[in-house]
C-alpha atoms as a PDB file:
ATOM      1  CA  MET A   1      84.911  22.109  84.975  1.00  0.00           C
ATOM      2  CA  LYS A   2      81.804  23.492  85.269  1.00  0.00           C
ATOM      3  CA  MET A   3      80.166  21.687  82.734  1.00  0.00           C
ATOM      4  CA  LYS A   4      81.424  18.154  83.740  1.00  0.00           C
ATOM      5  CA  LYS A   5      79.813  19.332  87.350  1.00  0.00           C
ATOM      6  CA  ILE A   6      76.434  19.251  85.507  1.00  0.00           C
ATOM      7  CA  GLU A   7      76.856  16.207  83.244  1.00  0.00           C
ATOM      8  CA  GLN A   8      77.322  14.163  86.448  1.00  0.00           C
ATOM      9  CA  ARG A   9      74.555  15.603  88.525  1.00  0.00           C
ATOM     10  CA  GLN A  10      72.161  15.106  85.459  1.00  0.00           C
ATOM     11  CA  ASP A  11      73.621  11.248  85.135  1.00  0.00           C
ATOM     12  CA  ASP A  12      73.245  10.821  88.809  1.00  0.00           C
ATOM     13  CA  LEU A  13      69.671  12.396  88.243  1.00  0.00           C
ATOM     14  CA  GLU A  14      68.838   9.960  85.768  1.00  0.00           C
ATOM     15  CA  VAL A  15      69.990   6.911  87.682  1.00  0.00           C
ATOM     16  CA  ARG A  16      67.674   8.067  90.198  1.00  0.00           C
ATOM     17  CA  LEU A  17      65.045   8.601  87.905  1.00  0.00           C
ATOM     18  CA  THR A  18      65.329   5.039  86.796  1.00  0.00           C
ATOM     19  CA  TYR A  19      65.525   3.677  90.308  1.00  0.00           C
ATOM     20  CA  GLN A  20      62.634   5.538  91.786  1.00  0.00           C
ATOM     21  CA  GLN A  21      60.277   4.562  88.372  1.00  0.00           C
ATOM     22  CA  ARG A  22      61.659   0.389  88.965  1.00  0.00           C
ATOM     23  CA  THR A  23      60.472   0.801  92.525  1.00  0.00           C
ATOM     24  CA  ILE A  24      57.499   2.606  91.668  1.00  0.00           C
ATOM     25  CA  ASP A  25      56.611  -0.411  89.732  1.00  0.00           C
ATOM     26  CA  GLU A  26      57.543  -2.479  91.844  1.00  0.00           C
ATOM     27  CA  LEU A  27      55.355  -1.001  94.542  1.00  0.00           C
ATOM     28  CA  ASN A  28      52.227  -1.258  91.787  1.00  0.00           C
ATOM     29  CA  GLU A  29      52.149  -4.540  91.635  1.00  0.00           C
ATOM     30  CA  VAL A  30      52.228  -5.241  94.833  1.00  0.00           C
ATOM     31  CA  VAL A  31      49.350  -2.507  95.408  1.00  0.00           C
ATOM     32  CA  ILE A  32      47.517  -4.211  92.224  1.00  0.00           C
ATOM     33  CA  GLU A  33      48.407  -8.184  94.101  1.00  0.00           C
ATOM     34  CA  LEU A  34      46.903  -6.620  97.121  1.00  0.00           C
ATOM     35  CA  ALA A  35      43.910  -5.118  95.928  1.00  0.00           C
ATOM     36  CA  ASP A  36      43.052  -8.984  94.368  1.00  0.00           C
ATOM     37  CA  ARG A  37      43.830 -10.982  97.464  1.00  0.00           C
ATOM     38  CA  VAL A  38      41.381  -7.986  99.238  1.00  0.00           C
ATOM     39  CA  ARG A  39      38.848  -8.766  96.900  1.00  0.00           C
ATOM     40  CA  GLN A  40      38.850 -12.481  97.507  1.00  0.00           C
ATOM     41  CA  LEU A  41      39.088 -12.084 100.985  1.00  0.00           C
ATOM     42  CA  GLU A  42      35.733 -10.225 101.151  1.00  0.00           C
ATOM     43  CA  LEU A  43      34.078 -12.474  98.468  1.00  0.00           C
ATOM     44  CA  ASP A  44      35.016 -15.681 101.215  1.00  0.00           C
ATOM     45  CA  ASN A  45      34.032 -13.586 104.022  1.00  0.00           C
ATOM     46  CA  GLY A  46      30.149 -13.478 102.263  1.00  0.00           C
ATOM     47  CA  ARG A  47      30.104 -16.617 101.555  1.00  0.00           C
ATOM     48  CA  LEU A  48      30.874 -17.412 105.122  1.00  0.00           C
ATOM     49  CA  LYS A  49      28.727 -14.911 106.874  1.00  0.00           C
ATOM     50  CA  GLU A  50      25.737 -16.962 104.514  1.00  0.00           C
ATOM     51  CA  MET A  51      26.776 -19.924 106.259  1.00  0.00           C
ATOM     52  CA  LEU A  52      26.950 -18.924 109.441  1.00  0.00           C
ATOM     53  CA  ALA A  53      23.153 -17.184 108.411  1.00  0.00           C
ATOM     54  CA  THR A  54      21.682 -20.521 107.895  1.00  0.00           C
ATOM     55  CA  LEU A  55      23.199 -22.364 110.505  1.00  0.00           C
ATOM     56  CA  ALA A  56      22.375 -19.624 113.005  1.00  0.00           C
ATOM     57  CA  PRO A  57      18.922 -20.930 115.393  1.00  0.00           C
ATOM     58  CA  GLU A  58      16.003 -18.926 114.907  1.00  0.00           C
ATOM     59  CA  PRO A  59      14.925 -16.445 117.501  1.00  0.00           C
ATOM     60  CA  GLY A  60      13.176 -17.054 120.420  1.00  0.00           C
ATOM     61  CA  ILE A  61      14.375 -21.023 120.082  1.00  0.00           C
ATOM     62  CA  SER A  62      16.327 -22.542 122.865  1.00  0.00           C
ATOM     63  CA  PRO A  63      19.205 -24.800 122.243  1.00  0.00           C
ATOM     64  CA  ASP A  64      17.391 -27.342 123.741  1.00  0.00           C
ATOM     65  CA  GLU A  65      14.076 -27.632 121.162  1.00  0.00           C
END
């Protein structure tokens, strides 16, 4: 009877491990996707800053001139 409990517990642990590994793999995919999106947003932000810098008036010149 004791051996049966040990086998059942081992089976339960194997199922949990499999589930946890799948969850880790799925979360890793999400992290990779989000890292790519952050990189792209940083590039877009840099381009927007450059565009704004070219559109900004020079210091000392009033907008009415």
